Amino acid sequence: MILGALLCATSGGLMAAATSSQLTEHSTQHLTMHFSGSGDHTLEIRTIEGNITVQAYDGPDVQMIVDKTLSAENEDEMRAARREVVLDMGNDAATLHAIVRYPNQQTCGGRNGYTSRPGYHARFDFTIRVPRAAQLQLCTIDNGVVLVSGMTGDFAISNVNGRISMTDVAGSGTAVTVNGAVAAEYVSAPRHSSTFRTTNGDVAVTLPQRPSSALHLRTLNGHVINEFATTPDAAGPVASTVSLGADRAGLTLETLNGDVRVLRRSR
């Protein structure tokens, strides 16, 4: 339920298009959400299918655009999709959330997984401007990428079928997918232990010129490329630990099928 304090404007209206086998409907919402309190702030976004794009800025509020696309086999299923698929919003709190909920289903990140419903399909794409220091909890499953830029807060990012890309970040946390690459470019080394993992894809982390970290690098079918190492790059299966200092937490980079790269930031 969208709380009363949430400022919401719907743009573009609804667009319905019929093909020989499917109906589609698209709508766009522009939302402004407000953090409360002076402590730590967290934004939680969970969707089953769709992209999540987060851009840091220096304002106090969360500014969100939600593009929703429904597709259905017939009018009855379209009505069911409108009625059953809900965007649950939580506003005016230390943790703000936007969570896509299906009837009798786990949300993204739930332990029991998700089973698609025959007859209709729902996609939610999120484009969000977020206060720079906020913490992030982001989750998507199918046909979506997670893009994060400029954030300095800690993070927990999950995907299944899609890549994760983080640029100009400074927080600590986890970024994990199954099918897709994981990349993070840091402006300063993480303050706490962090993990970047995939099953099928490359993992690349770019660090400042003089990081002080223990690096745990693992691949089964691929290469380890470490621009801070004094030894040649190695081909998989590889599991290595490189100590670059003792005053920073360790970083873990793992994949089964792909390369692991630790790169030196040049700017």
Protein backbone atom coordinates (compact mmCIF):
# COMPACT_ATOMS: atom_id res chain seq x y z
CA MET A 1 0.00 0.00 0.00
CA ILE A 2 1.33 3.45 -0.89
CA LEU A 3 1.31 5.50 2.29
CA GLY A 4 -0.48 8.81 2.39
CA ALA A 5 2.72 10.81 2.69
CA LEU A 6 4.04 9.38 -0.55
CA LEU A 7 3.89 11.91 -3.36
CA CYS A 8 2.81 10.02 -6.42
CA ALA A 9 2.12 11.15 -9.98
CA THR A 10 1.32 8.81 -12.83
CA SER A 11 2.57 9.83 -16.26
CA GLY A 12 2.02 8.42 -19.68
CA GLY A 13 -1.25 6.70 -18.72
CA LEU A 14 -1.99 3.13 -19.70
CA MET A 15 -1.21 1.72 -23.09
CA ALA A 16 -2.84 -1.53 -24.16
CA ALA A 17 -1.75 -3.35 -27.28
CA ALA A 18 -3.14 -6.61 -28.58
CA THR A 19 -1.37 -9.15 -30.73
CA SER A 20 -2.72 -12.40 -32.05
CA SER A 21 -1.71 -14.17 -28.84
CA GLN A 22 -1.06 -11.59 -26.12
CA LEU A 23 -2.24 -8.34 -24.57
CA THR A 24 0.24 -5.84 -23.12
CA GLU A 25 -0.26 -2.83 -20.89
CA HIS A 26 2.31 -0.26 -19.78
CA SER A 27 2.20 2.42 -17.08
CA THR A 28 4.73 4.75 -15.46
CA GLN A 29 4.73 6.16 -11.94
CA HIS A 30 6.89 9.02 -10.62
CA LEU A 31 7.34 8.73 -6.85
CA THR A 32 9.04 10.79 -4.15
CA MET A 33 9.78 9.00 -0.89
CA HIS A 34 11.05 10.50 2.37
CA PHE A 35 13.46 9.09 4.93
CA SER A 36 12.70 9.79 8.58
CA GLY A 37 15.14 10.19 11.45
CA SER A 38 18.78 11.21 11.47
CA GLY A 39 20.41 7.76 11.70
CA ASP A 40 21.26 5.25 9.00
CA HIS A 41 18.91 5.11 6.03
CA THR A 42 18.22 2.09 3.81
CA LEU A 43 16.44 1.66 0.49
CA GLU A 44 15.02 -1.81 -0.26
CA ILE A 45 13.90 -2.69 -3.80
CA ARG A 46 12.64 -6.18 -4.71
CA THR A 47 11.17 -7.23 -8.04
CA ILE A 48 10.69 -10.55 -9.80
CA GLU A 49 11.51 -9.32 -13.30
CA GLY A 50 13.05 -6.04 -14.36
CA ASN A 51 15.98 -3.67 -14.11
CA ILE A 52 17.06 -1.72 -11.04
CA THR A 53 19.08 1.42 -11.73
CA VAL A 54 20.32 3.51 -8.80
CA GLN A 55 22.06 6.87 -9.20
CA ALA A 56 23.49 8.73 -6.18
CA TYR A 57 22.74 12.40 -5.66
CA ASP A 58 23.09 14.95 -2.86
CA GLY A 59 19.40 15.52 -2.06
CA PRO A 60 17.47 14.18 0.96
CA ASP A 61 14.69 12.18 -0.75
CA VAL A 62 14.37 9.09 -2.92
CA GLN A 63 13.12 9.95 -6.40
CA MET A 64 11.80 6.91 -8.22
CA ILE A 65 10.40 6.10 -11.64
CA VAL A 66 8.60 2.77 -11.90
CA ASP A 67 7.81 1.38 -15.35
CA LYS A 68 5.29 -1.45 -15.15
CA THR A 69 4.53 -3.75 -18.09
CA LEU A 70 1.80 -6.37 -17.86
CA SER A 71 1.20 -9.03 -20.50
CA ALA A 72 -1.61 -11.56 -20.57
CA GLU A 73 -3.17 -14.21 -22.74
CA ASN A 74 -6.63 -12.63 -22.62
CA GLU A 75 -8.71 -9.93 -20.91
CA ASP A 76 -9.56 -12.11 -17.90
CA GLU A 77 -5.88 -12.75 -17.23
CA MET A 78 -5.08 -9.06 -17.68
CA ARG A 79 -7.68 -8.16 -15.07
CA ALA A 80 -6.17 -10.78 -12.77
CA ALA A 81 -2.71 -9.29 -13.28
CA ARG A 82 -3.95 -5.77 -12.44
CA ARG A 83 -5.66 -7.07 -9.32
CA GLU A 84 -3.09 -9.54 -8.03
CA VAL A 85 0.35 -8.04 -8.71
CA VAL A 86 0.99 -5.33 -6.14
CA LEU A 87 3.79 -2.81 -5.64
CA ASP A 88 4.08 -2.57 -1.86
CA MET A 89 5.52 0.81 -0.80
CA GLY A 90 6.87 1.84 2.58
CA ASN A 91 7.49 5.56 3.16
CA ASP A 92 8.48 7.99 5.93
CA ALA A 93 10.78 5.56 7.74
CA ALA A 94 14.47 4.83 8.25
CA THR A 95 14.07 1.97 5.73
CA LEU A 96 12.06 2.74 2.60
CA HIS A 97 10.88 -0.10 0.42
CA ALA A 98 9.29 -0.87 -2.92
CA ILE A 99 8.52 -4.58 -3.20
CA VAL A 100 6.69 -6.35 -6.02
CA ARG A 101 4.33 -8.93 -4.53
CA TYR A 102 2.50 -11.76 -6.26
CA PRO A 103 -0.35 -13.67 -4.57
CA ASN A 104 0.83 -16.65 -2.50
CA GLN A 105 4.43 -16.17 -3.66
CA GLN A 106 7.75 -15.36 -2.07
CA THR A 107 9.22 -11.97 -2.87
CA CYS A 108 12.64 -11.71 -4.50
CA GLY A 109 15.18 -13.13 -2.09
CA GLY A 110 12.71 -15.44 -0.34
CA ARG A 111 14.03 -18.83 0.65
CA ASN A 112 11.30 -20.81 -1.13
CA GLY A 113 11.82 -19.18 -4.49
CA TYR A 114 9.26 -17.99 -7.02
CA THR A 115 6.99 -19.85 -9.43
CA SER A 116 5.55 -17.93 -12.37
CA ARG A 117 1.79 -17.91 -12.84
CA PRO A 118 0.46 -19.16 -16.18
CA GLY A 119 -1.72 -16.69 -18.02
CA TYR A 120 -0.08 -13.37 -17.20
CA HIS A 121 3.32 -11.79 -16.76
CA ALA A 122 4.49 -8.65 -14.92
CA ARG A 123 7.67 -6.62 -15.28
CA PHE A 124 8.74 -3.70 -13.10
CA ASP A 125 11.73 -1.52 -14.04
CA PHE A 126 13.04 0.90 -11.39
CA THR A 127 15.07 4.05 -12.07
CA ILE A 128 15.98 5.75 -8.79
CA ARG A 129 17.92 8.73 -7.46
CA VAL A 130 19.05 8.04 -3.90
CA PRO A 131 20.89 10.06 -1.23
CA ARG A 132 24.53 9.16 -1.65
CA ALA A 133 25.19 7.66 1.79
CA ALA A 134 22.07 5.47 1.96
CA GLN A 135 22.43 1.71 2.29
CA LEU A 136 20.99 -0.48 -0.48
CA GLN A 137 19.13 -3.79 -0.53
CA LEU A 138 18.40 -4.62 -4.17
CA CYS A 139 16.98 -7.84 -5.62
CA THR A 140 15.75 -8.98 -9.04
CA ILE A 141 15.45 -12.42 -10.61
CA ASP A 142 14.74 -12.54 -14.35
CA ASN A 143 15.61 -10.46 -17.40
CA GLY A 144 17.03 -7.59 -15.44
CA VAL A 145 20.31 -5.87 -14.66
CA VAL A 146 21.29 -4.02 -11.49
CA LEU A 147 23.22 -0.78 -12.06
CA VAL A 148 24.52 1.33 -9.16
CA SER A 149 26.48 4.55 -9.52
CA GLY A 150 28.08 6.92 -7.02
CA MET A 151 26.82 5.36 -3.78
CA THR A 152 28.97 5.35 -0.62
CA GLY A 153 26.72 3.30 1.70
CA ASP A 154 26.85 -0.44 2.28
CA PHE A 155 24.94 -2.79 -0.02
CA ALA A 156 23.34 -6.22 -0.44
CA ILE A 157 22.62 -6.85 -4.13
CA SER A 158 21.14 -10.04 -5.58
CA ASN A 159 20.30 -11.11 -9.11
CA VAL A 160 19.75 -14.46 -10.81
CA ASN A 161 19.59 -14.02 -14.58
CA GLY A 162 21.38 -10.77 -15.23
CA ARG A 163 24.50 -8.79 -14.50
CA ILE A 164 25.43 -6.44 -11.66
CA SER A 165 27.47 -3.30 -12.34
CA MET A 166 28.64 -0.79 -9.72
CA THR A 167 30.64 2.35 -10.57
CA ASP A 168 32.27 5.00 -8.38
CA VAL A 169 31.17 3.30 -5.14
CA ALA A 170 32.72 3.24 -1.68
CA GLY A 171 30.58 0.95 0.47
CA SER A 172 30.96 -2.65 1.60
CA GLY A 173 28.68 -5.64 1.14
CA THR A 174 27.72 -8.44 -1.24
CA ALA A 175 26.90 -8.47 -4.96
CA VAL A 176 25.82 -11.94 -6.14
CA THR A 177 24.22 -13.28 -9.31
CA VAL A 178 24.03 -16.66 -11.05
CA ASN A 179 24.03 -15.95 -14.79
CA GLY A 180 25.83 -12.72 -15.53
CA ALA A 181 28.93 -10.68 -14.85
CA VAL A 182 29.63 -8.81 -11.63
CA ALA A 183 31.70 -5.61 -11.77
CA ALA A 184 32.47 -2.99 -9.12
CA GLU A 185 34.62 0.10 -9.48
CA TYR A 186 35.67 1.69 -6.18
CA VAL A 187 36.71 5.26 -5.46
CA SER A 188 38.04 4.13 -2.06
CA ALA A 189 38.65 0.66 -0.68
CA PRO A 190 35.77 -1.05 1.18
CA ARG A 191 35.74 -0.55 4.93
CA HIS A 192 34.49 -4.08 5.69
CA SER A 193 34.66 -7.55 4.14
CA SER A 194 32.89 -7.73 0.78
CA THR A 195 31.97 -10.51 -1.64
CA PHE A 196 31.40 -10.43 -5.41
CA ARG A 197 30.22 -13.73 -6.86
CA THR A 198 28.63 -15.32 -9.92
CA THR A 199 28.35 -18.81 -11.37
CA ASN A 200 28.46 -18.04 -15.09
CA GLY A 201 30.31 -14.84 -15.90
CA ASP A 202 33.33 -12.71 -15.12
CA VAL A 203 33.95 -10.94 -11.81
CA ALA A 204 35.92 -7.69 -11.88
CA VAL A 205 36.70 -5.30 -9.05
CA THR A 206 38.61 -2.07 -9.63
CA LEU A 207 40.43 -0.70 -6.58
CA PRO A 208 42.33 2.51 -5.80
CA GLN A 209 46.02 2.79 -6.55
CA ARG A 210 47.11 1.76 -3.08
CA PRO A 211 44.57 -0.63 -1.57
CA SER A 212 45.32 -2.43 1.65
CA SER A 213 43.29 -5.63 1.49
CA ALA A 214 43.43 -9.40 1.53
CA LEU A 215 42.09 -10.65 -1.80
CA HIS A 216 40.47 -14.09 -2.04
CA LEU A 217 40.24 -14.99 -5.73
CA ARG A 218 38.62 -18.17 -7.09
CA THR A 219 37.62 -19.52 -10.50
CA LEU A 220 37.13 -23.03 -11.87
CA ASN A 221 37.08 -22.37 -15.61
CA GLY A 222 38.85 -19.11 -16.29
CA HIS A 223 41.80 -16.88 -15.47
CA VAL A 224 42.79 -14.83 -12.45
CA ILE A 225 44.11 -11.40 -13.45
CA ASN A 226 45.52 -9.32 -10.61
CA GLU A 227 47.14 -6.02 -11.52
CA PHE A 228 48.56 -5.71 -7.98
CA ALA A 229 50.33 -9.10 -8.07
CA THR A 230 54.02 -9.61 -8.80
CA THR A 231 53.49 -13.08 -10.27
CA PRO A 232 52.02 -13.85 -13.71
CA ASP A 233 48.30 -14.29 -14.20
CA ALA A 234 47.02 -17.82 -13.71
CA ALA A 235 44.52 -20.03 -15.49
CA GLY A 236 41.80 -21.97 -13.62
CA PRO A 237 41.04 -23.86 -11.58
CA VAL A 238 42.54 -21.23 -9.29
CA ALA A 239 42.06 -20.34 -5.63
CA SER A 240 44.45 -17.76 -4.24
CA THR A 241 44.82 -15.30 -1.40
CA VAL A 242 46.87 -12.15 -1.86
CA SER A 243 47.67 -9.97 1.16
CA LEU A 244 48.11 -6.31 0.27
CA GLY A 245 48.02 -5.04 3.84
CA ALA A 246 46.42 -5.52 7.21
CA ASP A 247 44.33 -2.41 7.78
CA ARG A 248 41.46 -3.21 5.41
CA ALA A 249 38.91 -6.00 5.32
CA GLY A 250 39.19 -8.85 2.84
CA LEU A 251 37.58 -8.97 -0.58
CA THR A 252 36.28 -12.23 -2.08
CA LEU A 253 35.86 -12.60 -5.85
CA GLU A 254 34.43 -15.92 -7.07
CA THR A 255 33.09 -17.51 -10.24
CA LEU A 256 32.82 -21.00 -11.65
CA ASN A 257 32.84 -20.20 -15.36
CA GLY A 258 34.65 -16.97 -16.10
CA ASP A 259 37.60 -14.77 -15.29
CA VAL A 260 38.37 -13.04 -12.00
CA ARG A 261 39.97 -9.62 -12.39
CA VAL A 262 41.40 -7.24 -9.80
CA LEU A 263 42.13 -4.00 -11.62
CA ARG A 264 44.01 -0.84 -10.68
CA ARG A 265 41.94 2.34 -10.80
CA SER A 266 43.53 4.87 -13.13
CA ARG A 267 41.47 7.95 -12.26
